[in-house]
């Protein structure tokens, strides 16, 4: 019976074991997604602060002070989760209701609807596309940051000298 022995096989096996435990634990990949989501979320927070304010009751382009406060208060990022197809997601957006109850919205106007109206406009309101513009502007920076984070995670995993 033939036997093949590699001098580095033991070290290689330990590296593979370490890599498998690190990658099966989603922590490394979640850190990568988190860094990309943080870029977009921070950019959207800045975009909310930069929205033009208009006086309530006027037709000028912009948002009211109350709308701006609601957008900032109800903005957030969900915890990173794996979907049924195996992809990791962090949802960035708005949740909740305004205090303005209407016949159509007895709980109050949903904040995501308010954002959609501001971003896309309606027949009675001019559009102010801050979400689309911000995401498009910072999308590449988020992808680059995620690539950088992934490279760092892989470097940490495969730079195994002296760990065991």
N, C-alpha and C. Protein backbone atom coordinates (compact mmCIF):
# COMPACT_ATOMS: atom_id res chain seq x y z
N UNK A 1 0.85 -1.17 0.00
CA UNK A 1 0.00 0.00 0.00
C UNK A 1 0.90 1.24 0.00
N UNK A 2 0.56 2.20 -0.87
CA UNK A 2 1.35 3.42 -0.99
C UNK A 2 0.88 4.44 0.03
N UNK A 3 1.83 5.20 0.51
CA UNK A 3 1.50 6.26 1.47
C UNK A 3 2.17 7.55 1.01
N UNK A 4 1.38 8.61 0.97
CA UNK A 4 1.92 9.91 0.60
C UNK A 4 1.87 10.79 1.83
N UNK A 5 2.96 11.42 2.13
CA UNK A 5 3.04 12.28 3.30
C UNK A 5 3.55 13.65 2.88
N UNK A 6 2.79 14.66 3.18
CA UNK A 6 3.22 16.03 2.91
C UNK A 6 3.68 16.65 4.22
N UNK A 7 4.77 17.37 4.16
CA UNK A 7 5.30 17.95 5.38
C UNK A 7 4.40 19.06 5.94
N UNK A 8 3.62 19.69 5.07
CA UNK A 8 2.77 20.79 5.54
C UNK A 8 1.31 20.37 5.69
N UNK A 9 1.01 19.07 5.53
CA UNK A 9 -0.40 18.66 5.55
C UNK A 9 -1.06 18.91 6.90
N UNK A 10 -0.31 18.71 7.98
CA UNK A 10 -0.90 18.94 9.30
C UNK A 10 -1.31 20.42 9.45
N UNK A 11 -0.40 21.30 9.07
CA UNK A 11 -0.70 22.73 9.15
C UNK A 11 -1.85 23.09 8.21
N UNK A 12 -1.85 22.53 7.00
CA UNK A 12 -2.91 22.79 6.05
C UNK A 12 -4.26 22.33 6.60
N UNK A 13 -4.28 21.19 7.22
CA UNK A 13 -5.51 20.67 7.83
C UNK A 13 -6.01 21.58 8.93
N UNK A 14 -5.08 22.08 9.76
CA UNK A 14 -5.50 23.00 10.83
C UNK A 14 -6.05 24.30 10.26
N UNK A 15 -5.43 24.79 9.18
CA UNK A 15 -5.93 26.01 8.53
C UNK A 15 -7.33 25.78 7.99
N UNK A 16 -7.54 24.64 7.32
CA UNK A 16 -8.87 24.34 6.79
C UNK A 16 -9.91 24.20 7.90
N UNK A 17 -9.54 23.56 9.00
CA UNK A 17 -10.46 23.45 10.14
C UNK A 17 -10.83 24.82 10.69
N UNK A 18 -9.82 25.67 10.85
CA UNK A 18 -10.07 27.01 11.35
C UNK A 18 -10.95 27.80 10.39
N UNK A 19 -10.64 27.70 9.10
CA UNK A 19 -11.42 28.40 8.08
C UNK A 19 -12.87 27.93 8.10
N UNK A 20 -13.08 26.61 8.20
CA UNK A 20 -14.43 26.07 8.19
C UNK A 20 -15.24 26.57 9.38
N UNK A 21 -14.63 26.57 10.57
CA UNK A 21 -15.37 27.04 11.74
C UNK A 21 -15.66 28.53 11.66
N UNK A 22 -14.72 29.31 11.10
CA UNK A 22 -14.95 30.75 10.96
C UNK A 22 -16.03 31.05 9.95
N UNK A 23 -16.05 30.32 8.83
CA UNK A 23 -17.01 30.62 7.78
C UNK A 23 -18.39 30.05 8.09
N UNK A 24 -18.45 28.92 8.76
CA UNK A 24 -19.76 28.38 9.11
C UNK A 24 -20.43 29.26 10.16
N UNK A 25 -19.63 29.87 11.00
CA UNK A 25 -20.14 30.88 11.91
C UNK A 25 -20.27 32.15 11.07
N UNK A 26 -21.47 32.67 10.93
CA UNK A 26 -21.72 33.79 10.04
C UNK A 26 -21.10 35.11 10.50
N UNK A 27 -20.43 35.12 11.61
CA UNK A 27 -19.94 36.38 12.17
C UNK A 27 -19.05 37.14 11.19
N UNK A 28 -18.15 36.44 10.51
CA UNK A 28 -17.23 37.12 9.58
C UNK A 28 -18.00 37.74 8.43
N UNK A 29 -18.93 36.99 7.85
CA UNK A 29 -19.70 37.53 6.73
C UNK A 29 -20.65 38.63 7.17
N UNK A 30 -21.18 38.52 8.37
CA UNK A 30 -22.05 39.57 8.89
C UNK A 30 -21.28 40.87 9.09
N UNK A 31 -20.04 40.76 9.52
CA UNK A 31 -19.21 41.97 9.66
C UNK A 31 -18.98 42.64 8.32
N UNK A 32 -18.83 41.83 7.27
CA UNK A 32 -18.64 42.37 5.92
C UNK A 32 -19.89 43.13 5.47
N UNK A 33 -21.05 42.50 5.61
CA UNK A 33 -22.31 43.13 5.20
C UNK A 33 -22.58 44.37 6.05
N UNK A 34 -22.27 44.30 7.32
CA UNK A 34 -22.49 45.43 8.23
C UNK A 34 -21.70 46.67 7.79
N UNK A 35 -20.48 46.48 7.36
CA UNK A 35 -19.67 47.62 6.93
C UNK A 35 -20.23 48.27 5.68
N UNK A 36 -20.76 47.47 4.76
CA UNK A 36 -21.38 48.04 3.57
C UNK A 36 -22.68 48.75 3.90
N UNK A 37 -23.47 48.15 4.77
CA UNK A 37 -24.74 48.76 5.17
C UNK A 37 -24.51 50.07 5.91
N UNK A 38 -23.45 50.13 6.70
CA UNK A 38 -23.14 51.35 7.46
C UNK A 38 -22.85 52.53 6.53
N UNK A 39 -22.18 52.28 5.41
CA UNK A 39 -21.88 53.35 4.45
C UNK A 39 -23.18 53.95 3.92
N UNK A 40 -24.10 53.09 3.48
CA UNK A 40 -25.37 53.56 2.92
C UNK A 40 -26.21 54.23 4.00
N UNK A 41 -26.28 53.63 5.19
CA UNK A 41 -27.10 54.19 6.27
C UNK A 41 -26.59 55.57 6.69
N UNK A 42 -25.29 55.71 6.84
CA UNK A 42 -24.73 57.02 7.22
C UNK A 42 -25.00 58.06 6.14
N UNK A 43 -24.88 57.66 4.88
CA UNK A 43 -25.14 58.60 3.78
C UNK A 43 -26.61 59.03 3.78
N UNK A 44 -27.52 58.09 4.06
CA UNK A 44 -28.94 58.46 4.10
C UNK A 44 -29.25 59.38 5.28
N UNK A 45 -28.59 59.16 6.41
CA UNK A 45 -28.79 60.06 7.56
C UNK A 45 -28.36 61.49 7.22
N UNK A 46 -27.24 61.60 6.53
CA UNK A 46 -26.76 62.92 6.09
C UNK A 46 -27.74 63.52 5.09
N UNK A 47 -28.27 62.69 4.19
CA UNK A 47 -29.23 63.18 3.19
C UNK A 47 -30.52 63.68 3.85
N UNK A 48 -30.95 63.00 4.91
CA UNK A 48 -32.14 63.45 5.64
C UNK A 48 -31.89 64.82 6.25
N UNK A 49 -30.73 64.97 6.89
CA UNK A 49 -30.38 66.25 7.50
C UNK A 49 -30.28 67.37 6.46
N UNK A 50 -29.89 67.02 5.24
CA UNK A 50 -29.69 68.03 4.20
C UNK A 50 -30.96 68.38 3.43
N UNK A 51 -32.06 67.69 3.72
CA UNK A 51 -33.31 68.00 3.00
C UNK A 51 -33.73 69.44 3.24
N UNK A 52 -34.21 70.08 2.19
CA UNK A 52 -34.70 71.45 2.32
C UNK A 52 -36.00 71.47 3.10
N UNK A 53 -36.08 72.38 4.02
CA UNK A 53 -37.32 72.53 4.78
C UNK A 53 -38.18 73.59 4.12
N UNK A 54 -39.47 73.36 4.15
CA UNK A 54 -40.42 74.34 3.62
C UNK A 54 -41.44 74.63 4.72
N UNK A 55 -42.06 75.73 4.57
CA UNK A 55 -43.11 76.10 5.52
C UNK A 55 -44.34 75.24 5.28
N UNK A 56 -44.98 74.83 6.34
CA UNK A 56 -46.18 74.01 6.22
C UNK A 56 -47.26 74.83 5.50
N UNK A 57 -47.92 74.19 4.55
CA UNK A 57 -48.99 74.85 3.82
C UNK A 57 -48.56 75.50 2.52
N UNK A 58 -47.26 75.54 2.25
CA UNK A 58 -46.80 76.11 0.98
C UNK A 58 -46.52 74.98 -0.01
N UNK A 59 -46.43 75.32 -1.29
CA UNK A 59 -46.18 74.33 -2.31
C UNK A 59 -44.72 74.30 -2.76
N UNK A 60 -43.82 74.90 -2.03
CA UNK A 60 -42.42 74.89 -2.44
C UNK A 60 -41.85 73.47 -2.28
N UNK A 61 -40.79 73.21 -3.01
CA UNK A 61 -40.15 71.89 -2.95
C UNK A 61 -39.43 71.77 -1.61
N UNK A 62 -39.62 70.65 -0.96
CA UNK A 62 -38.97 70.40 0.32
C UNK A 62 -39.89 69.64 1.24
N UNK A 63 -39.46 69.47 2.47
CA UNK A 63 -40.24 68.77 3.48
C UNK A 63 -40.48 69.70 4.66
N UNK A 64 -41.53 69.42 5.40
CA UNK A 64 -41.79 70.22 6.59
C UNK A 64 -40.83 69.79 7.69
N UNK A 65 -40.71 70.60 8.69
CA UNK A 65 -39.83 70.29 9.82
C UNK A 65 -40.29 69.00 10.50
N UNK A 66 -41.59 68.83 10.63
CA UNK A 66 -42.15 67.61 11.24
C UNK A 66 -41.82 66.37 10.42
N UNK A 67 -41.94 66.46 9.10
CA UNK A 67 -41.61 65.33 8.23
C UNK A 67 -40.14 64.96 8.35
N UNK A 68 -39.30 65.96 8.40
CA UNK A 68 -37.86 65.73 8.53
C UNK A 68 -37.55 65.03 9.85
N UNK A 69 -38.20 65.46 10.92
CA UNK A 69 -38.02 64.82 12.23
C UNK A 69 -38.49 63.38 12.21
N UNK A 70 -39.63 63.12 11.56
CA UNK A 70 -40.15 61.76 11.45
C UNK A 70 -39.20 60.87 10.65
N UNK A 71 -38.65 61.39 9.56
CA UNK A 71 -37.73 60.61 8.75
C UNK A 71 -36.49 60.23 9.56
N UNK A 72 -35.96 61.16 10.33
CA UNK A 72 -34.77 60.88 11.13
C UNK A 72 -35.08 59.91 12.27
N UNK A 73 -36.22 60.10 12.91
CA UNK A 73 -36.59 59.27 14.08
C UNK A 73 -36.86 57.82 13.70
N UNK A 74 -37.50 57.59 12.58
CA UNK A 74 -37.94 56.24 12.21
C UNK A 74 -37.00 55.53 11.24
N UNK A 75 -35.82 56.08 11.02
CA UNK A 75 -34.84 55.47 10.12
C UNK A 75 -34.01 54.45 10.88
N UNK A 76 -33.67 53.34 10.23
CA UNK A 76 -32.83 52.35 10.89
C UNK A 76 -32.36 51.25 9.96
N UNK A 77 -31.57 50.36 10.54
CA UNK A 77 -31.02 49.20 9.83
C UNK A 77 -31.43 47.96 10.62
N UNK A 78 -31.96 46.96 9.91
CA UNK A 78 -32.37 45.73 10.58
C UNK A 78 -31.14 44.89 10.92
N UNK A 79 -31.30 43.97 11.86
CA UNK A 79 -30.21 43.02 12.09
C UNK A 79 -29.96 42.20 10.82
N UNK A 80 -28.74 41.81 10.62
CA UNK A 80 -28.37 41.04 9.43
C UNK A 80 -28.86 39.61 9.60
N UNK A 81 -29.60 39.13 8.60
CA UNK A 81 -30.16 37.78 8.64
C UNK A 81 -29.91 37.06 7.33
N UNK A 82 -29.92 35.75 7.41
CA UNK A 82 -29.77 34.91 6.22
C UNK A 82 -31.16 34.54 5.72
N UNK A 83 -31.39 34.69 4.41
CA UNK A 83 -32.70 34.32 3.85
C UNK A 83 -32.72 32.84 3.50
N UNK A 84 -33.83 32.37 3.00
CA UNK A 84 -33.97 30.93 2.73
C UNK A 84 -33.07 30.46 1.58
N UNK A 85 -32.58 31.39 0.77
CA UNK A 85 -31.66 31.04 -0.31
C UNK A 85 -30.20 31.09 0.12
N UNK A 86 -29.95 31.47 1.37
CA UNK A 86 -28.60 31.50 1.90
C UNK A 86 -27.89 32.84 1.82
N UNK A 87 -28.57 33.87 1.34
CA UNK A 87 -27.95 35.19 1.23
C UNK A 87 -28.14 35.97 2.53
N UNK A 88 -27.14 36.79 2.87
CA UNK A 88 -27.22 37.65 4.03
C UNK A 88 -27.77 39.01 3.61
N UNK A 89 -28.68 39.56 4.42
CA UNK A 89 -29.31 40.84 4.10
C UNK A 89 -29.34 41.74 5.33
N UNK A 90 -29.13 43.01 5.08
CA UNK A 90 -29.38 44.05 6.07
C UNK A 90 -30.32 45.03 5.39
N UNK A 91 -31.50 45.21 5.95
CA UNK A 91 -32.45 46.13 5.33
C UNK A 91 -32.28 47.50 5.95
N UNK A 92 -32.23 48.49 5.08
CA UNK A 92 -32.05 49.88 5.51
C UNK A 92 -33.31 50.62 5.11
N UNK A 93 -33.95 51.28 6.05
CA UNK A 93 -35.17 51.99 5.69
C UNK A 93 -35.90 52.56 6.88
N UNK A 94 -37.19 52.73 6.69
CA UNK A 94 -38.04 53.38 7.67
C UNK A 94 -39.13 52.44 8.13
N UNK A 95 -39.58 52.66 9.36
CA UNK A 95 -40.63 51.84 9.94
C UNK A 95 -41.45 52.73 10.86
N UNK A 96 -42.68 52.34 11.08
CA UNK A 96 -43.51 53.06 12.03
C UNK A 96 -44.55 53.94 11.37
N UNK A 97 -45.22 54.72 12.21
CA UNK A 97 -46.33 55.56 11.77
C UNK A 97 -46.16 56.97 12.32
N UNK A 98 -46.68 57.92 11.55
CA UNK A 98 -46.71 59.29 12.05
C UNK A 98 -47.90 59.42 12.98
N UNK A 99 -47.98 60.46 13.70
CA UNK A 99 -49.09 60.66 14.60
C UNK A 99 -50.34 61.19 13.91
N UNK A 100 -50.23 61.49 12.62
CA UNK A 100 -51.34 62.07 11.87
C UNK A 100 -52.30 60.98 11.40
N UNK A 101 -53.38 60.78 12.14
CA UNK A 101 -54.35 59.75 11.79
C UNK A 101 -55.30 60.29 10.73
N UNK A 102 -55.63 59.44 9.77
CA UNK A 102 -56.57 59.80 8.71
C UNK A 102 -57.58 58.67 8.57
N UNK A 103 -58.58 58.89 7.73
CA UNK A 103 -59.58 57.86 7.50
C UNK A 103 -58.94 56.63 6.86
N UNK A 104 -58.04 56.86 5.91
CA UNK A 104 -57.35 55.74 5.26
C UNK A 104 -56.32 55.08 6.16
N UNK A 105 -55.74 55.85 7.06
CA UNK A 105 -54.68 55.36 7.93
C UNK A 105 -55.02 55.64 9.40
N UNK A 106 -55.86 54.79 10.01
CA UNK A 106 -56.28 55.05 11.39
C UNK A 106 -55.15 54.98 12.41
N UNK A 107 -54.04 54.29 12.09
CA UNK A 107 -52.89 54.25 12.99
C UNK A 107 -51.97 55.45 12.78
N UNK A 108 -52.19 56.15 11.72
CA UNK A 108 -51.31 57.23 11.30
C UNK A 108 -50.72 56.87 9.96
N UNK A 109 -50.21 57.84 9.27
CA UNK A 109 -49.62 57.61 7.95
C UNK A 109 -48.34 56.79 8.13
N UNK A 110 -48.19 55.66 7.40
CA UNK A 110 -46.96 54.88 7.51
C UNK A 110 -45.76 55.70 7.03
N UNK A 111 -44.69 55.67 7.79
CA UNK A 111 -43.49 56.43 7.44
C UNK A 111 -42.91 55.97 6.10
N UNK A 112 -42.88 54.64 5.78
CA UNK A 112 -42.39 54.27 4.45
C UNK A 112 -43.21 54.89 3.31
N UNK A 113 -44.51 55.06 3.52
CA UNK A 113 -45.34 55.72 2.52
C UNK A 113 -44.96 57.20 2.39
N UNK A 114 -44.71 57.83 3.50
CA UNK A 114 -44.28 59.23 3.50
C UNK A 114 -42.96 59.39 2.74
N UNK A 115 -42.02 58.47 2.98
CA UNK A 115 -40.74 58.52 2.28
C UNK A 115 -40.95 58.34 0.79
N UNK A 116 -41.82 57.42 0.43
CA UNK A 116 -42.11 57.16 -0.99
C UNK A 116 -42.71 58.40 -1.66
N UNK A 117 -43.62 59.07 -0.96
CA UNK A 117 -44.24 60.29 -1.49
C UNK A 117 -43.20 61.38 -1.67
N UNK A 118 -42.31 61.54 -0.69
CA UNK A 118 -41.27 62.57 -0.79
C UNK A 118 -40.31 62.23 -1.92
N UNK A 119 -39.89 60.96 -2.00
CA UNK A 119 -38.89 60.55 -2.98
C UNK A 119 -39.43 60.54 -4.41
N UNK A 120 -40.67 60.07 -4.59
CA UNK A 120 -41.21 59.92 -5.95
C UNK A 120 -42.16 61.03 -6.36
N UNK A 121 -42.71 61.73 -5.39
CA UNK A 121 -43.67 62.78 -5.69
C UNK A 121 -45.07 62.23 -5.95
N UNK A 122 -46.01 63.12 -6.05
CA UNK A 122 -47.40 62.77 -6.34
C UNK A 122 -47.95 63.84 -7.28
N UNK A 123 -49.24 63.77 -7.54
CA UNK A 123 -49.85 64.80 -8.38
C UNK A 123 -49.89 66.15 -7.66
N UNK A 124 -49.83 66.14 -6.35
CA UNK A 124 -49.90 67.38 -5.58
C UNK A 124 -48.58 67.74 -4.90
N UNK A 125 -47.55 66.92 -5.10
CA UNK A 125 -46.27 67.20 -4.46
C UNK A 125 -45.13 66.88 -5.42
N UNK A 126 -44.21 67.81 -5.56
CA UNK A 126 -43.06 67.58 -6.43
C UNK A 126 -42.12 66.57 -5.79
N UNK A 127 -41.47 65.77 -6.64
CA UNK A 127 -40.58 64.75 -6.10
C UNK A 127 -39.27 65.37 -5.61
N UNK A 128 -38.73 64.73 -4.61
CA UNK A 128 -37.46 65.12 -4.02
C UNK A 128 -36.67 63.82 -3.82
N UNK A 129 -36.04 63.30 -4.90
CA UNK A 129 -35.47 61.95 -4.88
C UNK A 129 -34.17 61.81 -4.07
N UNK A 130 -34.25 61.98 -2.77
CA UNK A 130 -33.05 61.90 -1.95
C UNK A 130 -32.61 60.46 -1.71
N UNK A 131 -33.52 59.50 -1.64
CA UNK A 131 -33.14 58.11 -1.38
C UNK A 131 -32.43 57.53 -2.60
N UNK A 132 -33.05 57.65 -3.75
CA UNK A 132 -32.45 57.10 -4.97
C UNK A 132 -31.08 57.70 -5.26
N UNK A 133 -30.99 59.01 -5.16
CA UNK A 133 -29.72 59.69 -5.46
C UNK A 133 -28.63 59.27 -4.48
N UNK A 134 -28.98 59.18 -3.21
CA UNK A 134 -27.99 58.83 -2.19
C UNK A 134 -27.50 57.40 -2.35
N UNK A 135 -28.43 56.48 -2.54
CA UNK A 135 -28.04 55.08 -2.69
C UNK A 135 -27.19 54.90 -3.93
N UNK A 136 -27.58 55.51 -5.03
CA UNK A 136 -26.81 55.40 -6.28
C UNK A 136 -25.42 56.00 -6.11
N UNK A 137 -25.33 57.12 -5.42
CA UNK A 137 -24.05 57.80 -5.24
C UNK A 137 -23.08 56.98 -4.38
N UNK A 138 -23.59 56.32 -3.34
CA UNK A 138 -22.73 55.62 -2.39
C UNK A 138 -22.70 54.10 -2.57
N UNK A 139 -23.39 53.59 -3.57
CA UNK A 139 -23.43 52.15 -3.79
C UNK A 139 -22.04 51.58 -4.07
N UNK A 140 -21.29 52.20 -4.93
CA UNK A 140 -19.95 51.70 -5.26
C UNK A 140 -19.02 51.78 -4.05
N UNK A 141 -19.13 52.84 -3.26
CA UNK A 141 -18.30 52.95 -2.06
C UNK A 141 -18.63 51.83 -1.07
N UNK A 142 -19.91 51.47 -0.96
CA UNK A 142 -20.31 50.38 -0.07
C UNK A 142 -19.77 49.05 -0.57
N UNK A 143 -19.83 48.83 -1.88
CA UNK A 143 -19.29 47.58 -2.45
C UNK A 143 -17.79 47.50 -2.21
N UNK A 144 -17.08 48.60 -2.42
CA UNK A 144 -15.63 48.62 -2.19
C UNK A 144 -15.30 48.38 -0.73
N UNK A 145 -16.08 48.96 0.18
CA UNK A 145 -15.85 48.75 1.61
C UNK A 145 -16.10 47.30 1.99
N UNK A 146 -17.14 46.70 1.41
CA UNK A 146 -17.41 45.29 1.69
C UNK A 146 -16.29 44.40 1.13
N UNK A 147 -15.77 44.74 -0.04
CA UNK A 147 -14.65 43.97 -0.60
C UNK A 147 -13.43 44.08 0.30
N UNK A 148 -13.16 45.30 0.78
CA UNK A 148 -12.04 45.52 1.69
C UNK A 148 -12.23 44.72 2.98
N UNK A 149 -13.45 44.73 3.52
CA UNK A 149 -13.73 43.98 4.75
C UNK A 149 -13.59 42.48 4.52
N UNK A 150 -14.04 42.00 3.37
CA UNK A 150 -13.90 40.58 3.05
C UNK A 150 -12.43 40.19 2.92
N UNK A 151 -11.65 41.04 2.27
CA UNK A 151 -10.21 40.77 2.16
C UNK A 151 -9.56 40.70 3.53
N UNK A 152 -9.95 41.60 4.43
CA UNK A 152 -9.40 41.59 5.79
C UNK A 152 -9.80 40.31 6.53
N UNK A 153 -11.07 39.90 6.37
CA UNK A 153 -11.52 38.67 7.03
C UNK A 153 -10.78 37.46 6.48
N UNK A 154 -10.61 37.39 5.17
CA UNK A 154 -9.89 36.26 4.58
C UNK A 154 -8.42 36.27 4.97
N UNK A 155 -7.84 37.45 5.03
CA UNK A 155 -6.44 37.57 5.47
C UNK A 155 -6.31 37.06 6.89
N UNK A 156 -7.26 37.40 7.74
CA UNK A 156 -7.25 36.94 9.12
C UNK A 156 -7.39 35.42 9.19
N UNK A 157 -8.24 34.86 8.35
CA UNK A 157 -8.46 33.42 8.37
C UNK A 157 -7.24 32.67 7.84
N UNK A 158 -6.67 33.14 6.73
CA UNK A 158 -5.57 32.41 6.12
C UNK A 158 -4.20 32.80 6.63
N UNK A 159 -4.10 33.87 7.36
CA UNK A 159 -2.85 34.23 8.01
C UNK A 159 -2.82 33.51 9.34
N UNK A 160 -2.56 32.25 9.26
CA UNK A 160 -2.76 31.34 10.39
C UNK A 160 -1.49 31.06 11.16
N UNK A 161 -0.36 31.59 10.74
CA UNK A 161 0.93 31.30 11.39
C UNK A 161 0.85 31.59 12.88
N UNK A 162 1.27 30.65 13.67
CA UNK A 162 1.39 30.86 15.11
C UNK A 162 0.11 30.74 15.90
N UNK A 163 -1.00 30.36 15.29
CA UNK A 163 -2.25 30.27 16.05
C UNK A 163 -2.42 28.95 16.76
N UNK A 164 -1.89 27.88 16.18
CA UNK A 164 -2.00 26.59 16.86
C UNK A 164 -0.69 25.85 16.84
